[in-house]
Amino acid sequence: MDLNRPIATYKCRFQDPWNSDVYVSQHTGQVLQRRPLFWRIFEPFLTVHTFAFTGRKTHSPSDQRALVIGGCFAVIMLSFLGWQLRTNRLHDRIVDPKAPPATAHGH
């Protein structure tokens, strides 16, 4: 079963406190999905997280590249920060800003 395939639906946007979208099947009239404004904001991030790009026109390839590059940059920076904290180089400066820089051996 392809969960990313297009489904014939009507989309109704309500002026309720959540600015909900309701998707109704064109064939059966059944309510298929209710989505609040939060979901519309969160959905692109979920799509990237699950790599659910097939058959969707939600993001352009440049948006996808920017998200992947930004994610890689964040991982590298957080890894570097963790390494700095683990080796106590940054930790010493945070705890005592007047302390001399740590030597290569940590003494």
Protein backbone atom coordinates (compact mmCIF):
# COMPACT_ATOMS: atom_id res chain seq x y z
CA MET A 1 0.00 0.00 0.00
CA ASP A 2 1.41 3.40 -1.00
CA LEU A 3 0.61 5.86 1.77
CA ASN A 4 2.07 8.76 -0.23
CA ARG A 5 -0.29 8.35 -3.18
CA PRO A 6 -2.69 11.20 -3.90
CA ILE A 7 -6.23 10.70 -2.60
CA ALA A 8 -9.23 12.54 -4.05
CA THR A 9 -10.34 14.79 -1.18
CA TYR A 10 -12.01 18.06 -0.40
CA LYS A 11 -10.13 20.32 1.97
CA CYS A 12 -12.18 22.49 4.32
CA ARG A 13 -10.45 25.14 6.44
CA PHE A 14 -12.37 26.18 9.55
CA GLN A 15 -12.12 29.42 11.51
CA ASP A 16 -12.01 27.59 14.83
CA PRO A 17 -9.40 28.31 17.55
CA TRP A 18 -7.00 25.85 15.89
CA ASN A 19 -7.55 26.96 12.24
CA SER A 20 -8.26 23.31 11.46
CA ASP A 21 -8.13 21.73 8.04
CA VAL A 22 -10.50 18.81 7.50
CA TYR A 23 -9.98 16.45 4.56
CA VAL A 24 -13.11 14.70 3.27
CA SER A 25 -13.11 11.87 0.73
CA GLN A 26 -14.66 12.87 -2.61
CA HIS A 27 -15.93 9.32 -3.11
CA THR A 28 -17.37 8.38 0.29
CA GLY A 29 -17.82 11.68 2.14
CA GLN A 30 -15.87 10.21 5.04
CA VAL A 31 -13.66 12.55 7.09
CA LEU A 32 -10.15 11.26 6.44
CA GLN A 33 -8.02 13.68 8.45
CA ARG A 34 -8.24 16.65 10.80
CA ARG A 35 -5.20 18.88 11.04
CA PRO A 36 -4.73 21.98 13.21
CA LEU A 37 -2.45 24.89 12.29
CA PHE A 38 0.33 23.34 14.38
CA TRP A 39 0.32 20.29 12.12
CA ARG A 40 0.66 22.42 8.97
CA ILE A 41 3.72 24.08 10.53
CA PHE A 42 5.18 20.79 11.81
CA GLU A 43 4.52 18.68 8.69
CA PRO A 44 7.57 19.75 6.63
CA PHE A 45 9.87 18.75 9.49
CA LEU A 46 8.14 15.38 9.83
CA THR A 47 8.43 14.87 6.07
CA VAL A 48 12.18 15.46 6.22
CA HIS A 49 12.52 13.22 9.28
CA THR A 50 10.72 10.29 7.65
CA PHE A 51 12.08 10.98 4.13
CA ALA A 52 8.50 10.94 2.82
CA PHE A 53 9.29 12.90 -0.33
CA THR A 54 7.88 10.46 -2.89
CA GLY A 55 5.03 11.78 -4.97
CA ARG A 56 4.81 15.06 -3.05
CA LYS A 57 5.39 18.59 -4.18
CA THR A 58 5.72 19.97 -0.65
CA HIS A 59 9.40 20.92 -0.91
CA SER A 60 11.63 21.97 -3.75
CA PRO A 61 14.99 20.20 -4.11
CA SER A 62 16.77 23.35 -2.91
CA ASP A 63 14.66 23.29 0.30
CA GLN A 64 15.62 19.67 0.85
CA ARG A 65 19.30 20.40 0.28
CA ALA A 66 19.19 23.35 2.68
CA LEU A 67 17.58 21.21 5.38
CA VAL A 68 20.10 18.39 4.93
CA ILE A 69 23.09 20.75 4.90
CA GLY A 70 21.73 22.64 7.92
CA GLY A 71 21.18 19.36 9.77
CA CYS A 72 24.72 18.19 9.00
CA PHE A 73 26.12 21.53 10.15
CA ALA A 74 24.15 21.28 13.41
CA VAL A 75 25.41 17.73 14.04
CA ILE A 76 29.02 18.76 13.40
CA MET A 77 28.77 21.83 15.65
CA LEU A 78 27.08 19.90 18.47
CA SER A 79 29.70 17.14 18.16
CA PHE A 80 32.49 19.71 18.35
CA LEU A 81 30.88 21.38 21.35
CA GLY A 82 30.49 18.01 23.07
CA TRP A 83 34.15 17.19 22.39
CA GLN A 84 35.20 20.57 23.80
CA LEU A 85 33.14 20.04 26.93
CA ARG A 86 34.35 16.45 27.31
CA THR A 87 37.99 17.44 27.12
CA ASN A 88 37.27 20.19 29.69
CA ARG A 89 38.69 22.89 27.45
CA LEU A 90 35.47 24.84 27.33
CA HIS A 91 34.25 23.64 30.73
CA ASP A 92 37.23 25.25 32.53
CA ARG A 93 36.51 28.60 30.89
CA ILE A 94 32.83 28.44 31.76
CA VAL A 95 33.43 27.49 35.41
CA ASP A 96 36.36 29.90 35.97
CA PRO A 97 36.84 32.47 33.20
CA LYS A 98 40.15 33.62 34.75
CA ALA A 99 41.64 30.12 34.64
CA PRO A 100 44.52 29.65 32.19
CA PRO A 101 43.77 27.60 29.08
CA ALA A 102 44.20 23.84 29.49
CA THR A 103 47.37 22.30 28.10
CA ALA A 104 47.37 19.57 25.49
CA HIS A 105 47.56 16.91 28.23
CA GLY A 106 44.77 18.44 30.31
CA HIS A 107 47.04 19.33 33.26
